[in-house]
Amino acid sequence: MPYRYKVLLITTSISLVLDQLSKAYIDQTFKLYQSLVVIENFFNITYVRNQGAAFGIFSDSSLRVPFFIGIALIASAVIMWVIHRLKETQKLFGFGLSLIFSGAIGNLIDRIRLGEVIDFIDVHWYQHHWPAFNVADSAISVGVAFLLLDMWRDELNKRRAVKP
C-alpha cells in the first residue's frame, strides 16, 4: 500500500475515533447548552448543536441537511482523487488532505445521524466567544494550515531554485 494511503487510513481512523467518541461523551454527559469552565475566561466545554455550517450559516434552510451531505460527499471524493494523484514526496500535503477528509467524514456522520453537528469546544476571551467547534472542525482547520504551509514551502523552494 502506498504511503499516502497509509497516512489517509491512519489519520482518518484516529481522527474519526477521537471525534465520534468525544461527541458521544458530550451528548451522554452534558445537557444541551450546559457549560463547564476549563480555563476561566478562555476555554469552556459547552454542549451545542449546529444545524448550519461554520458560524451557523444556512441553519434556517430547509435544504441544509441534503446540501451539507452532498457537499461533504463531493469534497470527500475530490480529496480522494487528489490523494490518488499525489507524488510520494508530497507528504505534508497528503497529511493535510487526510485531516480535512477525516473532519468532513466526522461531521458527515453527525449530519446523517442527527441532522446537525455536535459542537462543544468553546474558546473565548472573557465574554467574546469564538463559535463552538469539535474535533472534526479542528482536523479540517489544521489540515488547511498544513496545505497552506506546504504551498508556502513549495513557493520558497521555487524562488530559491530561480536565484543564482
Protein backbone atom coordinates (compact mmCIF):
# COMPACT_ATOMS: atom_id res chain seq x y z
CA MET A 1 0.00 0.00 0.00
CA PRO A 2 1.48 3.39 -0.96
CA TYR A 3 2.47 5.72 1.87
CA ARG A 4 -0.26 8.29 1.05
CA TYR A 5 -2.99 5.68 1.56
CA LYS A 6 -1.48 4.54 4.85
CA VAL A 7 -1.45 8.15 6.06
CA LEU A 8 -5.07 8.57 4.94
CA LEU A 9 -6.16 5.38 6.68
CA ILE A 10 -4.32 6.05 9.95
CA THR A 11 -5.19 9.75 10.11
CA THR A 12 -8.85 9.17 9.31
CA SER A 13 -9.13 6.30 11.78
CA ILE A 14 -7.59 8.22 14.68
CA SER A 15 -9.44 11.45 13.91
CA LEU A 16 -12.82 9.74 13.46
CA VAL A 17 -12.47 7.76 16.69
CA LEU A 18 -11.50 10.88 18.67
CA ASP A 19 -14.27 12.92 17.04
CA GLN A 20 -17.07 10.41 17.47
CA LEU A 21 -16.06 9.35 21.00
CA SER A 22 -15.79 12.96 22.17
CA LYS A 23 -19.19 13.83 20.66
CA ALA A 24 -20.79 10.71 22.21
CA TYR A 25 -19.29 11.60 25.60
CA ILE A 26 -20.57 15.18 25.42
CA ASP A 27 -24.02 14.04 24.25
CA GLN A 28 -24.33 11.49 27.07
CA THR A 29 -22.73 13.55 29.85
CA PHE A 30 -23.91 17.11 29.25
CA LYS A 31 -27.34 18.64 28.84
CA LEU A 32 -27.78 20.82 25.76
CA TYR A 33 -26.22 24.27 26.42
CA GLN A 34 -24.57 23.05 29.64
CA SER A 35 -21.13 24.54 30.08
CA LEU A 36 -18.09 23.53 32.11
CA VAL A 37 -15.35 26.10 32.74
CA VAL A 38 -11.95 24.58 31.99
CA ILE A 39 -9.81 27.74 31.94
CA GLU A 40 -11.54 30.83 33.33
CA ASN A 41 -12.24 33.50 30.67
CA PHE A 42 -10.60 31.40 27.94
CA PHE A 43 -11.87 27.84 27.48
CA ASN A 44 -15.12 26.01 28.28
CA ILE A 45 -16.71 22.76 27.28
CA THR A 46 -20.18 23.86 26.12
CA TYR A 47 -22.64 21.44 24.52
CA VAL A 48 -24.37 22.96 21.49
CA ARG A 49 -25.74 21.61 18.25
CA ASN A 50 -25.10 23.36 14.96
CA GLN A 51 -27.67 22.90 12.22
CA GLY A 52 -25.72 25.04 9.77
CA ALA A 53 -22.14 25.32 8.60
CA ALA A 54 -19.38 27.37 10.21
CA PHE A 55 -20.84 30.15 12.36
CA GLY A 56 -24.35 28.69 11.85
CA ILE A 57 -24.53 29.63 8.17
CA PHE A 58 -27.61 28.14 6.44
CA SER A 59 -29.03 26.88 9.75
CA ASP A 60 -32.55 28.05 8.81
CA SER A 61 -32.63 26.47 5.34
CA SER A 62 -34.94 23.51 4.76
CA LEU A 63 -32.39 22.11 2.30
CA ARG A 64 -29.46 22.30 4.72
CA VAL A 65 -29.13 18.58 5.51
CA PRO A 66 -29.12 17.30 1.91
CA PHE A 67 -26.96 20.28 0.87
CA PHE A 68 -24.31 19.64 3.54
CA ILE A 69 -24.35 15.89 2.96
CA GLY A 70 -23.88 16.48 -0.78
CA ILE A 71 -21.06 18.98 -0.24
CA ALA A 72 -19.28 16.59 2.16
CA LEU A 73 -19.58 13.69 -0.28
CA ILE A 74 -18.32 15.78 -3.21
CA ALA A 75 -15.44 17.21 -1.14
CA SER A 76 -14.50 13.71 0.06
CA ALA A 77 -14.49 12.37 -3.49
CA VAL A 78 -12.33 15.26 -4.71
CA ILE A 79 -9.91 14.76 -1.81
CA MET A 80 -9.64 11.04 -2.60
CA TRP A 81 -8.94 11.87 -6.26
CA VAL A 82 -6.24 14.39 -5.29
CA ILE A 83 -4.64 11.96 -2.82
CA HIS A 84 -4.59 9.31 -5.55
CA ARG A 85 -2.68 11.72 -7.81
CA LEU A 86 -0.17 12.91 -5.19
CA LYS A 87 3.52 12.30 -5.65
CA GLU A 88 5.20 10.28 -2.91
CA THR A 89 7.21 13.41 -1.98
CA GLN A 90 4.05 15.40 -1.11
CA LYS A 91 3.79 14.02 2.41
CA LEU A 92 2.72 17.19 4.23
CA PHE A 93 0.12 17.98 1.58
CA GLY A 94 -1.21 14.42 1.82
CA PHE A 95 -1.38 14.61 5.61
CA GLY A 96 -3.29 17.90 5.38
CA LEU A 97 -5.76 16.41 2.91
CA SER A 98 -6.18 13.38 5.17
CA LEU A 99 -7.07 15.63 8.11
CA ILE A 100 -9.59 17.56 6.00
CA PHE A 101 -11.08 14.28 4.75
CA SER A 102 -11.42 12.89 8.28
CA GLY A 103 -13.06 16.09 9.53
CA ALA A 104 -15.52 16.11 6.65
CA ILE A 105 -16.44 12.48 7.34
CA GLY A 106 -16.77 13.13 11.09
CA ASN A 107 -19.26 15.95 10.58
CA LEU A 108 -20.98 13.99 7.78
CA ILE A 109 -21.69 11.18 10.24
CA ASP A 110 -23.42 13.69 12.56
CA ARG A 111 -25.46 15.22 9.74
CA ILE A 112 -26.67 11.81 8.55
CA ARG A 113 -27.34 10.53 12.09
CA LEU A 114 -28.68 13.69 13.75
CA GLY A 115 -29.37 16.24 11.01
CA GLU A 116 -26.94 18.57 12.80
CA VAL A 117 -23.43 18.61 14.25
CA ILE A 118 -22.45 18.34 17.92
CA ASP A 119 -20.05 21.13 18.93
CA PHE A 120 -18.51 21.61 22.36
CA ILE A 121 -15.09 23.32 22.25
CA ASP A 122 -15.79 26.87 23.41
CA VAL A 123 -12.79 29.19 23.13
CA HIS A 124 -13.30 32.76 24.29
CA TRP A 125 -11.70 35.85 25.71
CA TYR A 126 -13.91 36.89 28.61
CA GLN A 127 -17.35 37.46 27.01
CA HIS A 128 -16.07 37.35 23.39
CA HIS A 129 -16.71 33.79 22.20
CA TRP A 130 -15.50 32.11 19.04
CA PRO A 131 -18.26 29.83 17.70
CA ALA A 132 -18.12 26.42 19.35
CA PHE A 133 -16.48 23.66 17.33
CA ASN A 134 -15.47 19.99 17.60
CA VAL A 135 -12.61 17.59 16.85
CA ALA A 136 -13.68 17.22 13.19
CA ASP A 137 -13.64 21.01 12.74
CA SER A 138 -10.19 21.12 14.33
CA ALA A 139 -8.93 18.43 11.95
CA ILE A 140 -10.22 20.45 8.98
CA SER A 141 -8.59 23.66 10.24
CA VAL A 142 -5.24 22.00 10.98
CA GLY A 143 -5.41 20.23 7.60
CA VAL A 144 -5.91 23.54 5.81
CA ALA A 145 -2.99 25.02 7.76
CA PHE A 146 -0.78 22.12 6.60
CA LEU A 147 -1.87 22.66 2.99
CA LEU A 148 -1.02 26.36 3.24
CA LEU A 149 2.32 25.58 4.90
CA ASP A 150 3.17 23.09 2.17
CA MET A 151 2.25 25.57 -0.59
CA TRP A 152 4.30 28.30 1.11
CA ARG A 153 7.26 25.93 1.44
CA ASP A 154 6.99 24.95 -2.25
CA GLU A 155 6.91 28.62 -3.25
CA LEU A 156 10.05 29.31 -1.20
CA ASN A 157 11.81 26.35 -2.81
CA LYS A 158 10.86 27.59 -6.30
CA ARG A 159 12.20 31.05 -5.52
CA ARG A 160 15.45 29.60 -4.20
CA ALA A 161 15.83 27.46 -7.33
CA VAL A 162 15.48 30.52 -9.59
CA LYS A 163 18.06 32.66 -7.75
CA PRO A 164 21.66 32.31 -8.96
